[in-house]
Amino acid sequence: VDEALKEFQHIDILVNSAAGNFLCPASALSFNAFKTVIDIDTIGTFNTSKVLFEKYFRDHGGVIVNITATLSYRGQALQVHAGTAKAAIDAMTRHLAVEWGPNNIRVNSLAPGPITGTEGYRRLGGKFAEESSQFDTIPLHRAGNKTEIAHSTLYLASPLSSYVTGTTLVVDGGSWLTSANNFPALLDFWAAGANKNQ
C-alpha cells in the first residue's frame, strides 16, 4: 500500500482476488489445509482491506471488490474449505459495506462460475474441464471467459454502480442453479487423480 501511494499518490480501487483451492473431501482434509485456505482467502481479504482503510480509504473513500464463489450457496461436494472461506468473505463484504459506507467506501463481491482459460478451472476440472458436455447443465450452455469477469469487476469498481454496496454479483451463466453436485461421482473424480493437485 505504501509503495502504491508513493508511486500513484492515491488508490481508488481494491480487488481482493487471492484464492487457495483444490478438490478434497472433508474427511481427507487436514486441519492445516483447511486453515491455509481460510488464511489465504478470508484473512488475506480482511487484512488487505483494513490496511488500505487505515492508510487511505478512511479519509478519501474508495471501492473494494472481493472475488468470492457460489460454492456455499448449496453446499458443494469436495469444497468445504473454499466454500467456507468464500462464504465468510461474502459476509465480510456486507459488514464492511455497512461500517465503511459513511466513509464513502463501497464494498461488493463478485462470484464467478466456471471460467475457461484459468488455472483454477484447469485444476478443478482436470482433463474434463474443456469438454463441451460439461456445459450442458449450465443454463447458458457454456463456460464464461476472463473478459466477462473483467467487465463485471469493472462495473462494480466504476461509477456505473455508484449506488451499489454490500451485494454479491454472481457471474456464472446460472451454473450454480443447475450444475450437478453428485458426491459419489465427484469423489471418484478426486480418487482418480484430482487429489494430486493439492
N, C-alpha and C. Protein backbone atom coordinates (compact mmCIF):
# COMPACT_ATOMS: atom_id res chain seq x y z
N VAL A 1 0.84 -1.19 0.00
CA VAL A 1 0.00 0.00 0.00
C VAL A 1 0.87 1.24 0.00
N ASP A 2 1.89 1.24 0.84
CA ASP A 2 2.79 2.40 0.90
C ASP A 2 3.47 2.64 -0.44
N GLU A 3 3.92 1.56 -1.09
CA GLU A 3 4.58 1.70 -2.39
C GLU A 3 3.62 2.24 -3.44
N ALA A 4 2.39 1.74 -3.44
CA ALA A 4 1.39 2.21 -4.41
C ALA A 4 1.08 3.69 -4.19
N LEU A 5 0.92 4.09 -2.94
CA LEU A 5 0.65 5.50 -2.65
C LEU A 5 1.83 6.39 -3.02
N LYS A 6 3.02 5.89 -2.81
CA LYS A 6 4.21 6.66 -3.19
C LYS A 6 4.28 6.84 -4.70
N GLU A 7 3.93 5.79 -5.43
CA GLU A 7 4.00 5.82 -6.90
C GLU A 7 2.86 6.62 -7.51
N PHE A 8 1.63 6.41 -7.02
CA PHE A 8 0.45 6.97 -7.68
C PHE A 8 -0.25 8.09 -6.89
N GLN A 9 0.13 8.31 -5.64
CA GLN A 9 -0.44 9.32 -4.76
C GLN A 9 -1.87 9.02 -4.31
N HIS A 10 -2.56 8.11 -4.92
CA HIS A 10 -3.90 7.74 -4.47
C HIS A 10 -4.21 6.31 -4.90
N ILE A 11 -5.16 5.70 -4.21
CA ILE A 11 -5.67 4.37 -4.56
C ILE A 11 -7.19 4.49 -4.58
N ASP A 12 -7.79 4.13 -5.68
CA ASP A 12 -9.24 4.24 -5.83
C ASP A 12 -9.96 2.92 -5.64
N ILE A 13 -9.30 1.82 -6.02
CA ILE A 13 -9.97 0.52 -6.09
C ILE A 13 -9.08 -0.56 -5.49
N LEU A 14 -9.68 -1.44 -4.71
CA LEU A 14 -9.00 -2.64 -4.22
C LEU A 14 -9.79 -3.85 -4.70
N VAL A 15 -9.12 -4.77 -5.39
CA VAL A 15 -9.73 -6.04 -5.79
C VAL A 15 -9.02 -7.14 -5.00
N ASN A 16 -9.75 -7.78 -4.12
CA ASN A 16 -9.22 -8.90 -3.34
C ASN A 16 -9.55 -10.19 -4.08
N SER A 17 -8.53 -10.82 -4.67
CA SER A 17 -8.80 -11.99 -5.50
C SER A 17 -7.96 -13.21 -5.15
N ALA A 18 -7.27 -13.18 -4.02
CA ALA A 18 -6.45 -14.34 -3.65
C ALA A 18 -7.35 -15.54 -3.38
N ALA A 19 -6.87 -16.71 -3.78
CA ALA A 19 -7.65 -17.92 -3.56
C ALA A 19 -6.73 -19.12 -3.42
N GLY A 20 -7.08 -19.99 -2.51
CA GLY A 20 -6.41 -21.28 -2.38
C GLY A 20 -7.48 -22.33 -2.52
N ASN A 21 -7.42 -23.13 -3.58
CA ASN A 21 -8.50 -24.08 -3.79
C ASN A 21 -7.98 -25.36 -4.44
N PHE A 22 -8.61 -26.44 -4.08
CA PHE A 22 -8.33 -27.76 -4.61
C PHE A 22 -9.52 -28.62 -4.22
N LEU A 23 -9.66 -29.75 -4.85
CA LEU A 23 -10.75 -30.66 -4.52
C LEU A 23 -10.31 -31.61 -3.42
N CYS A 24 -11.15 -31.77 -2.41
CA CYS A 24 -10.82 -32.70 -1.33
C CYS A 24 -12.06 -32.96 -0.48
N PRO A 25 -12.38 -34.23 -0.22
CA PRO A 25 -13.49 -34.49 0.70
C PRO A 25 -13.13 -34.03 2.11
N ALA A 26 -14.08 -33.59 2.85
CA ALA A 26 -13.83 -33.09 4.20
C ALA A 26 -13.14 -34.15 5.06
N SER A 27 -13.48 -35.41 4.86
CA SER A 27 -12.90 -36.48 5.67
C SER A 27 -11.40 -36.66 5.41
N ALA A 28 -10.91 -36.21 4.26
CA ALA A 28 -9.49 -36.34 3.93
C ALA A 28 -8.73 -35.02 4.08
N LEU A 29 -9.44 -33.96 4.43
CA LEU A 29 -8.84 -32.63 4.52
C LEU A 29 -8.13 -32.46 5.86
N SER A 30 -6.87 -32.08 5.83
CA SER A 30 -6.15 -31.88 7.09
C SER A 30 -6.57 -30.56 7.72
N PHE A 31 -6.35 -30.46 9.03
CA PHE A 31 -6.65 -29.21 9.73
C PHE A 31 -5.82 -28.07 9.13
N ASN A 32 -4.58 -28.36 8.80
CA ASN A 32 -3.69 -27.34 8.24
C ASN A 32 -4.15 -26.88 6.86
N ALA A 33 -4.61 -27.81 6.02
CA ALA A 33 -5.08 -27.44 4.69
C ALA A 33 -6.30 -26.52 4.79
N PHE A 34 -7.23 -26.86 5.69
CA PHE A 34 -8.41 -26.02 5.90
C PHE A 34 -8.00 -24.62 6.36
N LYS A 35 -7.12 -24.57 7.35
CA LYS A 35 -6.67 -23.28 7.90
C LYS A 35 -5.94 -22.45 6.85
N THR A 36 -5.14 -23.12 6.02
CA THR A 36 -4.39 -22.40 4.98
C THR A 36 -5.32 -21.69 4.02
N VAL A 37 -6.39 -22.36 3.60
CA VAL A 37 -7.34 -21.72 2.68
C VAL A 37 -8.05 -20.55 3.36
N ILE A 38 -8.43 -20.71 4.61
CA ILE A 38 -9.04 -19.60 5.36
C ILE A 38 -8.06 -18.44 5.46
N ASP A 39 -6.80 -18.74 5.75
CA ASP A 39 -5.78 -17.69 5.87
C ASP A 39 -5.60 -16.93 4.56
N ILE A 40 -5.49 -17.67 3.45
CA ILE A 40 -5.27 -17.03 2.15
C ILE A 40 -6.48 -16.20 1.75
N ASP A 41 -7.65 -16.83 1.76
CA ASP A 41 -8.86 -16.19 1.24
C ASP A 41 -9.44 -15.15 2.21
N THR A 42 -9.86 -15.62 3.37
CA THR A 42 -10.62 -14.77 4.29
C THR A 42 -9.74 -13.79 5.05
N ILE A 43 -8.72 -14.30 5.70
CA ILE A 43 -7.84 -13.42 6.48
C ILE A 43 -7.11 -12.45 5.56
N GLY A 44 -6.67 -12.95 4.40
CA GLY A 44 -5.99 -12.07 3.44
C GLY A 44 -6.87 -10.93 2.97
N THR A 45 -8.14 -11.23 2.70
CA THR A 45 -9.09 -10.20 2.27
C THR A 45 -9.29 -9.15 3.36
N PHE A 46 -9.46 -9.61 4.60
CA PHE A 46 -9.65 -8.66 5.70
C PHE A 46 -8.40 -7.81 5.91
N ASN A 47 -7.24 -8.45 5.95
CA ASN A 47 -6.01 -7.71 6.22
C ASN A 47 -5.75 -6.63 5.18
N THR A 48 -5.89 -6.99 3.91
CA THR A 48 -5.65 -6.01 2.85
C THR A 48 -6.66 -4.87 2.92
N SER A 49 -7.92 -5.21 3.13
CA SER A 49 -8.96 -4.18 3.22
C SER A 49 -8.72 -3.25 4.39
N LYS A 50 -8.38 -3.81 5.54
CA LYS A 50 -8.17 -2.99 6.75
C LYS A 50 -6.96 -2.08 6.61
N VAL A 51 -5.87 -2.60 6.06
CA VAL A 51 -4.67 -1.77 5.88
C VAL A 51 -4.98 -0.61 4.94
N LEU A 52 -5.67 -0.89 3.83
CA LEU A 52 -5.99 0.19 2.90
C LEU A 52 -6.98 1.18 3.51
N PHE A 53 -7.93 0.69 4.31
CA PHE A 53 -8.84 1.58 5.01
C PHE A 53 -8.06 2.54 5.90
N GLU A 54 -7.15 2.00 6.68
CA GLU A 54 -6.40 2.82 7.63
C GLU A 54 -5.46 3.80 6.94
N LYS A 55 -4.86 3.38 5.84
CA LYS A 55 -3.84 4.22 5.20
C LYS A 55 -4.40 5.19 4.17
N TYR A 56 -5.63 4.94 3.66
CA TYR A 56 -6.12 5.84 2.62
C TYR A 56 -7.65 5.95 2.54
N PHE A 57 -8.35 4.83 2.46
CA PHE A 57 -9.79 4.87 2.20
C PHE A 57 -10.59 5.59 3.28
N ARG A 58 -10.17 5.53 4.54
CA ARG A 58 -10.93 6.16 5.62
C ARG A 58 -11.18 7.64 5.34
N ASP A 59 -10.18 8.32 4.81
CA ASP A 59 -10.29 9.76 4.56
C ASP A 59 -10.63 10.13 3.13
N HIS A 60 -10.47 9.20 2.20
CA HIS A 60 -10.64 9.53 0.78
C HIS A 60 -11.73 8.73 0.07
N GLY A 61 -12.27 7.71 0.73
CA GLY A 61 -13.25 6.86 0.08
C GLY A 61 -12.58 5.90 -0.88
N GLY A 62 -13.38 5.03 -1.47
CA GLY A 62 -12.84 4.07 -2.42
C GLY A 62 -13.81 2.94 -2.67
N VAL A 63 -13.35 1.97 -3.43
CA VAL A 63 -14.17 0.83 -3.81
C VAL A 63 -13.39 -0.45 -3.53
N ILE A 64 -14.06 -1.41 -2.91
CA ILE A 64 -13.48 -2.73 -2.69
C ILE A 64 -14.35 -3.76 -3.41
N VAL A 65 -13.71 -4.60 -4.22
CA VAL A 65 -14.39 -5.71 -4.88
C VAL A 65 -13.72 -7.00 -4.41
N ASN A 66 -14.48 -7.84 -3.76
CA ASN A 66 -13.97 -9.12 -3.26
C ASN A 66 -14.42 -10.24 -4.20
N ILE A 67 -13.47 -11.02 -4.69
CA ILE A 67 -13.81 -12.14 -5.56
C ILE A 67 -14.12 -13.35 -4.68
N THR A 68 -15.35 -13.87 -4.81
CA THR A 68 -15.78 -14.99 -3.97
C THR A 68 -16.16 -16.17 -4.86
N ALA A 69 -17.21 -16.88 -4.52
CA ALA A 69 -17.63 -18.06 -5.28
C ALA A 69 -19.05 -18.41 -4.86
N THR A 70 -19.69 -19.27 -5.63
CA THR A 70 -21.04 -19.71 -5.30
C THR A 70 -21.05 -21.04 -4.55
N LEU A 71 -19.89 -21.52 -4.15
CA LEU A 71 -19.76 -22.85 -3.53
C LEU A 71 -20.65 -23.04 -2.32
N SER A 72 -20.84 -22.00 -1.53
CA SER A 72 -21.60 -22.14 -0.29
C SER A 72 -23.10 -22.01 -0.48
N TYR A 73 -23.55 -21.64 -1.66
CA TYR A 73 -24.97 -21.40 -1.86
C TYR A 73 -25.81 -22.66 -1.69
N ARG A 74 -25.21 -23.81 -1.96
CA ARG A 74 -25.96 -25.06 -1.83
C ARG A 74 -25.15 -26.16 -1.16
N GLY A 75 -23.89 -25.92 -0.83
CA GLY A 75 -23.05 -26.95 -0.23
C GLY A 75 -22.43 -27.81 -1.31
N GLN A 76 -21.31 -27.38 -1.85
CA GLN A 76 -20.66 -28.08 -2.95
C GLN A 76 -19.75 -29.19 -2.43
N ALA A 77 -19.90 -30.38 -2.97
CA ALA A 77 -19.05 -31.50 -2.58
C ALA A 77 -17.59 -31.20 -2.86
N LEU A 78 -16.72 -31.67 -1.98
CA LEU A 78 -15.26 -31.56 -2.08
C LEU A 78 -14.75 -30.13 -1.94
N GLN A 79 -15.58 -29.23 -1.43
CA GLN A 79 -15.21 -27.82 -1.38
C GLN A 79 -15.51 -27.17 -0.03
N VAL A 80 -15.50 -27.93 1.07
CA VAL A 80 -15.84 -27.34 2.37
C VAL A 80 -14.87 -26.22 2.73
N HIS A 81 -13.62 -26.35 2.39
CA HIS A 81 -12.60 -25.35 2.72
C HIS A 81 -12.82 -24.06 1.94
N ALA A 82 -12.91 -24.16 0.63
CA ALA A 82 -13.08 -22.95 -0.20
C ALA A 82 -14.47 -22.35 -0.03
N GLY A 83 -15.50 -23.20 0.07
CA GLY A 83 -16.85 -22.70 0.25
C GLY A 83 -17.00 -21.93 1.55
N THR A 84 -16.40 -22.43 2.61
CA THR A 84 -16.44 -21.75 3.90
C THR A 84 -15.70 -20.42 3.85
N ALA A 85 -14.52 -20.42 3.24
CA ALA A 85 -13.72 -19.20 3.14
C ALA A 85 -14.45 -18.13 2.34
N LYS A 86 -15.03 -18.52 1.21
CA LYS A 86 -15.70 -17.55 0.35
C LYS A 86 -17.02 -17.07 0.96
N ALA A 87 -17.73 -17.94 1.68
CA ALA A 87 -18.95 -17.52 2.37
C ALA A 87 -18.62 -16.47 3.42
N ALA A 88 -17.50 -16.66 4.10
CA ALA A 88 -17.07 -15.67 5.10
C ALA A 88 -16.76 -14.33 4.44
N ILE A 89 -16.20 -14.37 3.23
CA ILE A 89 -15.89 -13.12 2.53
C ILE A 89 -17.18 -12.43 2.09
N ASP A 90 -18.18 -13.20 1.66
CA ASP A 90 -19.47 -12.58 1.32
C ASP A 90 -20.07 -11.89 2.55
N ALA A 91 -19.98 -12.53 3.72
CA ALA A 91 -20.47 -11.91 4.95
C ALA A 91 -19.64 -10.67 5.29
N MET A 92 -18.33 -10.77 5.16
CA MET A 92 -17.45 -9.64 5.42
C MET A 92 -17.80 -8.46 4.51
N THR A 93 -18.11 -8.76 3.26
CA THR A 93 -18.50 -7.73 2.30
C THR A 93 -19.67 -6.91 2.84
N ARG A 94 -20.68 -7.59 3.35
CA ARG A 94 -21.86 -6.90 3.87
C ARG A 94 -21.54 -6.09 5.13
N HIS A 95 -20.76 -6.69 6.02
CA HIS A 95 -20.39 -5.98 7.26
C HIS A 95 -19.59 -4.72 6.95
N LEU A 96 -18.60 -4.83 6.08
CA LEU A 96 -17.76 -3.67 5.76
C LEU A 96 -18.54 -2.61 4.99
N ALA A 97 -19.49 -3.04 4.15
CA ALA A 97 -20.32 -2.07 3.43
C ALA A 97 -21.10 -1.21 4.41
N VAL A 98 -21.60 -1.82 5.47
CA VAL A 98 -22.36 -1.09 6.49
C VAL A 98 -21.45 -0.16 7.29
N GLU A 99 -20.32 -0.69 7.75
CA GLU A 99 -19.44 0.10 8.61
C GLU A 99 -18.69 1.20 7.87
N TRP A 100 -18.29 0.92 6.64
CA TRP A 100 -17.45 1.87 5.91
C TRP A 100 -18.20 2.73 4.91
N GLY A 101 -19.49 2.47 4.73
CA GLY A 101 -20.29 3.30 3.83
C GLY A 101 -20.23 4.78 4.17
N PRO A 102 -20.31 5.16 5.45
CA PRO A 102 -20.22 6.58 5.80
C PRO A 102 -18.90 7.23 5.40
N ASN A 103 -17.88 6.42 5.14
CA ASN A 103 -16.60 6.95 4.68
C ASN A 103 -16.52 6.99 3.15
N ASN A 104 -17.68 6.84 2.49
CA ASN A 104 -17.75 6.83 1.03
C ASN A 104 -16.96 5.67 0.43
N ILE A 105 -17.06 4.52 1.09
CA ILE A 105 -16.42 3.30 0.61
C ILE A 105 -17.52 2.31 0.25
N ARG A 106 -17.50 1.87 -0.99
CA ARG A 106 -18.42 0.83 -1.44
C ARG A 106 -17.70 -0.51 -1.39
N VAL A 107 -18.38 -1.54 -0.89
CA VAL A 107 -17.79 -2.87 -0.78
C VAL A 107 -18.78 -3.87 -1.38
N ASN A 108 -18.35 -4.58 -2.41
CA ASN A 108 -19.18 -5.59 -3.05
C ASN A 108 -18.33 -6.83 -3.31
N SER A 109 -18.99 -7.92 -3.62
CA SER A 109 -18.26 -9.11 -4.03
C SER A 109 -18.79 -9.61 -5.36
N LEU A 110 -17.95 -10.35 -6.04
CA LEU A 110 -18.28 -10.92 -7.34
C LEU A 110 -17.99 -12.41 -7.27
N ALA A 111 -18.97 -13.22 -7.63
CA ALA A 111 -18.83 -14.68 -7.56
C ALA A 111 -18.84 -15.26 -8.97
N PRO A 112 -17.66 -15.57 -9.51
CA PRO A 112 -17.60 -16.15 -10.85
C PRO A 112 -17.99 -17.63 -10.83
N GLY A 113 -18.45 -18.09 -11.96
CA GLY A 113 -18.69 -19.52 -12.15
C GLY A 113 -17.53 -20.15 -12.88
N PRO A 114 -17.78 -21.19 -13.67
CA PRO A 114 -16.70 -21.82 -14.43
C PRO A 114 -16.19 -20.88 -15.53
N ILE A 115 -14.91 -20.53 -15.44
CA ILE A 115 -14.30 -19.58 -16.37
C ILE A 115 -13.15 -20.27 -17.09
N THR A 116 -13.26 -20.43 -18.40
CA THR A 116 -12.24 -21.13 -19.16
C THR A 116 -10.93 -20.35 -19.19
N GLY A 117 -9.85 -21.09 -19.41
CA GLY A 117 -8.55 -20.47 -19.55
C GLY A 117 -7.92 -20.01 -18.25
N THR A 118 -8.43 -20.48 -17.13
CA THR A 118 -7.86 -20.09 -15.84
C THR A 118 -7.22 -21.30 -15.17
N GLU A 119 -6.26 -21.04 -14.32
CA GLU A 119 -5.58 -22.11 -13.59
C GLU A 119 -6.56 -22.88 -12.71
N GLY A 120 -7.45 -22.16 -12.03
CA GLY A 120 -8.42 -22.83 -11.17
C GLY A 120 -9.34 -23.75 -11.95
N TYR A 121 -9.76 -23.33 -13.12
CA TYR A 121 -10.65 -24.15 -13.95
C TYR A 121 -9.93 -25.42 -14.38
N ARG A 122 -8.67 -25.28 -14.80
CA ARG A 122 -7.90 -26.44 -15.22
C ARG A 122 -7.68 -27.39 -14.04
N ARG A 123 -7.32 -26.83 -12.91
CA ARG A 123 -7.00 -27.67 -11.75
C ARG A 123 -8.25 -28.36 -11.19
N LEU A 124 -9.35 -27.65 -11.11
CA LEU A 124 -10.55 -28.22 -10.52
C LEU A 124 -11.31 -29.12 -11.49
N GLY A 125 -11.23 -28.82 -12.78
CA GLY A 125 -11.95 -29.62 -13.77
C GLY A 125 -11.14 -30.75 -14.36
N GLY A 126 -9.82 -30.68 -14.21
CA GLY A 126 -8.95 -31.73 -14.75
C GLY A 126 -9.11 -31.88 -16.24
N LYS A 127 -8.94 -33.09 -16.72
CA LYS A 127 -8.98 -33.35 -18.17
C LYS A 127 -10.38 -33.15 -18.75
N PHE A 128 -11.39 -33.08 -17.90
CA PHE A 128 -12.76 -32.91 -18.38
C PHE A 128 -13.17 -31.44 -18.48
N ALA A 129 -12.32 -30.54 -18.04
CA ALA A 129 -12.70 -29.14 -17.91
C ALA A 129 -13.21 -28.51 -19.20
N GLU A 130 -12.57 -28.83 -20.32
CA GLU A 130 -12.93 -28.17 -21.57
C GLU A 130 -13.91 -28.97 -22.43
N GLU A 131 -14.38 -30.11 -21.95
CA GLU A 131 -15.33 -30.90 -22.74
C GLU A 131 -16.67 -30.18 -22.79
N SER A 132 -17.22 -30.06 -24.00
CA SER A 132 -18.46 -29.31 -24.17
C SER A 132 -19.62 -29.94 -23.40
N SER A 133 -19.59 -31.25 -23.18
CA SER A 133 -20.69 -31.89 -22.45
C SER A 133 -20.77 -31.41 -21.00
N GLN A 134 -19.67 -30.88 -20.49
CA GLN A 134 -19.66 -30.35 -19.13
C GLN A 134 -20.56 -29.13 -19.00
N PHE A 135 -20.85 -28.48 -20.12
CA PHE A 135 -21.62 -27.24 -20.10
C PHE A 135 -23.13 -27.47 -20.26
N ASP A 136 -23.53 -28.71 -20.51
CA ASP A 136 -24.94 -29.00 -20.76
C ASP A 136 -25.85 -28.62 -19.60
N THR A 137 -25.33 -28.68 -18.39
CA THR A 137 -26.18 -28.38 -17.23
C THR A 137 -26.22 -26.89 -16.91
N ILE A 138 -25.38 -26.09 -17.56
CA ILE A 138 -25.38 -24.65 -17.33
C ILE A 138 -26.48 -24.03 -18.20
N PRO A 139 -27.35 -23.21 -17.65
CA PRO A 139 -28.42 -22.63 -18.46
C PRO A 139 -27.96 -21.96 -19.75
N LEU A 140 -26.82 -21.30 -19.75
CA LEU A 140 -26.33 -20.67 -20.98
C LEU A 140 -25.51 -21.63 -21.84
N HIS A 141 -25.36 -22.87 -21.42
CA HIS A 141 -24.68 -23.94 -22.16
C HIS A 141 -23.25 -23.60 -22.56
N ARG A 142 -22.56 -22.91 -21.70
CA ARG A 142 -21.15 -22.62 -21.96
C ARG A 142 -20.50 -22.15 -20.67
N ALA A 143 -19.19 -22.17 -20.67
CA ALA A 143 -18.45 -21.57 -19.57
C ALA A 143 -18.27 -20.09 -19.86
N GLY A 144 -17.93 -19.34 -18.84
CA GLY A 144 -17.63 -17.93 -19.03
C GLY A 144 -16.19 -17.75 -19.46
N ASN A 145 -15.82 -16.50 -19.71
CA ASN A 145 -14.43 -16.21 -20.06
C ASN A 145 -13.92 -15.07 -19.19
N LYS A 146 -12.61 -14.89 -19.22
CA LYS A 146 -11.97 -13.90 -18.35
C LYS A 146 -12.44 -12.48 -18.64
N THR A 147 -12.75 -12.19 -19.90
CA THR A 147 -13.22 -10.85 -20.25
C THR A 147 -14.55 -10.54 -19.58
N GLU A 148 -15.43 -11.53 -19.49
CA GLU A 148 -16.72 -11.31 -18.83
C GLU A 148 -16.55 -11.03 -17.34
N ILE A 149 -15.58 -11.67 -16.72
CA ILE A 149 -15.31 -11.40 -15.31
C ILE A 149 -14.69 -10.01 -15.16
N ALA A 150 -13.80 -9.66 -16.07
CA ALA A 150 -13.18 -8.32 -16.03
C ALA A 150 -14.24 -7.23 -16.18
N HIS A 151 -15.17 -7.41 -17.12
CA HIS A 151 -16.23 -6.42 -17.32
C HIS A 151 -17.12 -6.29 -16.08
N SER A 152 -17.42 -7.41 -15.46
CA SER A 152 -18.27 -7.38 -14.26
C SER A 152 -17.55 -6.71 -13.10
N THR A 153 -16.26 -6.98 -12.97
CA THR A 153 -15.46 -6.33 -11.93
C THR A 153 -15.39 -4.83 -12.19
N LEU A 154 -15.19 -4.47 -13.44
CA LEU A 154 -15.14 -3.05 -13.82
C LEU A 154 -16.46 -2.35 -13.47
N TYR A 155 -17.57 -3.02 -13.72
CA TYR A 155 -18.87 -2.45 -13.36
C TYR A 155 -18.93 -2.14 -11.86
N LEU A 156 -18.54 -3.11 -11.03
CA LEU A 156 -18.60 -2.90 -9.58
C LEU A 156 -17.62 -1.84 -9.11
N ALA A 157 -16.52 -1.67 -9.83
CA ALA A 157 -15.50 -0.70 -9.42
C ALA A 157 -15.76 0.70 -9.96
N SER A 158 -16.65 0.82 -10.92
CA SER A 158 -16.85 2.09 -11.62
C SER A 158 -18.03 2.89 -11.08
N PRO A 159 -18.15 4.14 -11.51
CA PRO A 159 -19.32 4.95 -11.13
C PRO A 159 -20.65 4.39 -11.65
N LEU A 160 -20.61 3.44 -12.59
CA LEU A 160 -21.85 2.83 -13.06
C LEU A 160 -22.60 2.15 -11.93
N SER A 161 -21.88 1.75 -10.89
CA SER A 161 -22.52 1.09 -9.74
C SER A 161 -22.40 1.96 -8.48
N SER A 162 -22.49 3.27 -8.66
CA SER A 162 -22.25 4.20 -7.56
C SER A 162 -23.24 4.06 -6.40
N TYR A 163 -24.38 3.41 -6.63
CA TYR A 163 -25.35 3.21 -5.55
C TYR A 163 -25.48 1.73 -5.19
N VAL A 164 -24.45 0.96 -5.50
CA VAL A 164 -24.44 -0.47 -5.21
C VAL A 164 -23.39 -0.75 -4.15
N THR A 165 -23.80 -1.30 -3.03
CA THR A 165 -22.84 -1.70 -2.00
C THR A 165 -23.44 -2.82 -1.15
N GLY A 166 -22.56 -3.68 -0.64
CA GLY A 166 -22.99 -4.76 0.23
C GLY A 166 -23.66 -5.91 -0.48
N THR A 167 -23.41 -6.06 -1.76
CA THR A 167 -24.07 -7.12 -2.52
C THR A 167 -23.06 -8.02 -3.21
N THR A 168 -23.54 -9.17 -3.65
CA THR A 168 -22.71 -10.10 -4.42
C THR A 168 -23.29 -10.23 -5.81
N LEU A 169 -22.47 -9.97 -6.81
CA LEU A 169 -22.86 -10.14 -8.21
C LEU A 169 -22.39 -11.51 -8.66
N VAL A 170 -23.33 -12.39 -8.99
CA VAL A 170 -23.00 -13.73 -9.46
C VAL A 170 -22.86 -13.69 -10.97
N VAL A 171 -21.71 -14.14 -11.47
CA VAL A 171 -21.42 -14.14 -12.91
C VAL A 171 -21.04 -15.56 -13.28
N ASP A 172 -22.05 -16.40 -13.49
CA ASP A 172 -21.78 -17.83 -13.70
C ASP A 172 -22.69 -18.48 -14.73
N GLY A 173 -23.40 -17.68 -15.52
CA GLY A 173 -24.28 -18.25 -16.53
C GLY A 173 -25.42 -19.06 -15.93
N GLY A 174 -25.66 -18.90 -14.64
CA GLY A 174 -26.70 -19.66 -13.95
C GLY A 174 -26.25 -21.04 -13.50
N SER A 175 -24.94 -21.31 -13.57
CA SER A 175 -24.47 -22.68 -13.30
C SER A 175 -24.74 -23.16 -11.88
N TRP A 176 -24.70 -22.27 -10.91
CA TRP A 176 -24.91 -22.75 -9.53
C TRP A 176 -26.35 -23.22 -9.33
N LEU A 177 -27.25 -22.76 -10.17
CA LEU A 177 -28.65 -23.14 -10.05
C LEU A 177 -28.91 -24.57 -10.52
N THR A 178 -28.11 -25.05 -11.48
CA THR A 178 -28.45 -26.30 -12.15
C THR A 178 -27.33 -27.33 -12.24
N SER A 179 -26.09 -26.94 -11.97
CA SER A 179 -24.98 -27.88 -12.17
C SER A 179 -25.07 -29.06 -11.20
N ALA A 180 -24.60 -30.20 -11.68
CA ALA A 180 -24.65 -31.42 -10.88
C ALA A 180 -23.77 -31.28 -9.64
N ASN A 181 -24.22 -31.89 -8.56
CA ASN A 181 -23.46 -31.90 -7.31
C ASN A 181 -23.49 -33.33 -6.79
N ASN A 182 -23.03 -34.24 -7.64
CA ASN A 182 -23.08 -35.67 -7.38
C ASN A 182 -21.86 -36.07 -6.55
N PHE A 183 -22.05 -36.23 -5.25
CA PHE A 183 -20.91 -36.50 -4.37
C PHE A 183 -20.17 -37.79 -4.74
N PRO A 184 -20.85 -38.92 -4.98
CA PRO A 184 -20.11 -40.13 -5.34
C PRO A 184 -19.28 -39.96 -6.62
N ALA A 185 -19.85 -39.30 -7.63
CA ALA A 185 -19.10 -39.09 -8.87
C ALA A 185 -17.91 -38.16 -8.65
N LEU A 186 -18.11 -37.11 -7.87
CA LEU A 186 -17.00 -36.19 -7.59
C LEU A 186 -15.92 -36.87 -6.74
N LEU A 187 -16.34 -37.74 -5.85
CA LEU A 187 -15.37 -38.48 -5.04
C LEU A 187 -14.54 -39.41 -5.92
N ASP A 188 -15.19 -40.06 -6.89
CA ASP A 188 -14.46 -40.91 -7.84
C ASP A 188 -13.47 -40.09 -8.66
N PHE A 189 -13.90 -38.90 -9.10
CA PHE A 189 -13.03 -38.00 -9.86
C PHE A 189 -11.81 -37.62 -9.02
N TRP A 190 -12.05 -37.30 -7.76
CA TRP A 190 -10.95 -36.94 -6.85
C TRP A 190 -10.00 -38.12 -6.67
N ALA A 191 -10.55 -39.31 -6.44
CA ALA A 191 -9.73 -40.50 -6.22
C ALA A 191 -8.94 -40.90 -7.46
N ALA A 192 -9.46 -40.55 -8.64
CA ALA A 192 -8.80 -40.91 -9.90
C ALA A 192 -7.64 -40.00 -10.26
N GLY A 193 -7.41 -38.98 -9.47
CA GLY A 193 -6.25 -38.16 -9.77
C GLY A 193 -6.35 -36.70 -9.43
N ALA A 194 -7.54 -36.20 -9.21
CA ALA A 194 -7.68 -34.78 -8.87
C ALA A 194 -6.97 -34.46 -7.56
N ASN A 195 -6.82 -35.47 -6.68
CA ASN A 195 -6.18 -35.24 -5.39
C ASN A 195 -4.69 -34.97 -5.53
N LYS A 196 -4.11 -35.23 -6.69
CA LYS A 196 -2.69 -34.95 -6.91
C LYS A 196 -2.41 -33.47 -7.03
N ASN A 197 -3.47 -32.68 -7.23
CA ASN A 197 -3.30 -31.23 -7.41
C ASN A 197 -3.23 -30.47 -6.10
N GLN A 198 -3.32 -31.15 -4.97
CA GLN A 198 -3.32 -30.45 -3.67
C GLN A 198 -2.00 -29.83 -3.45
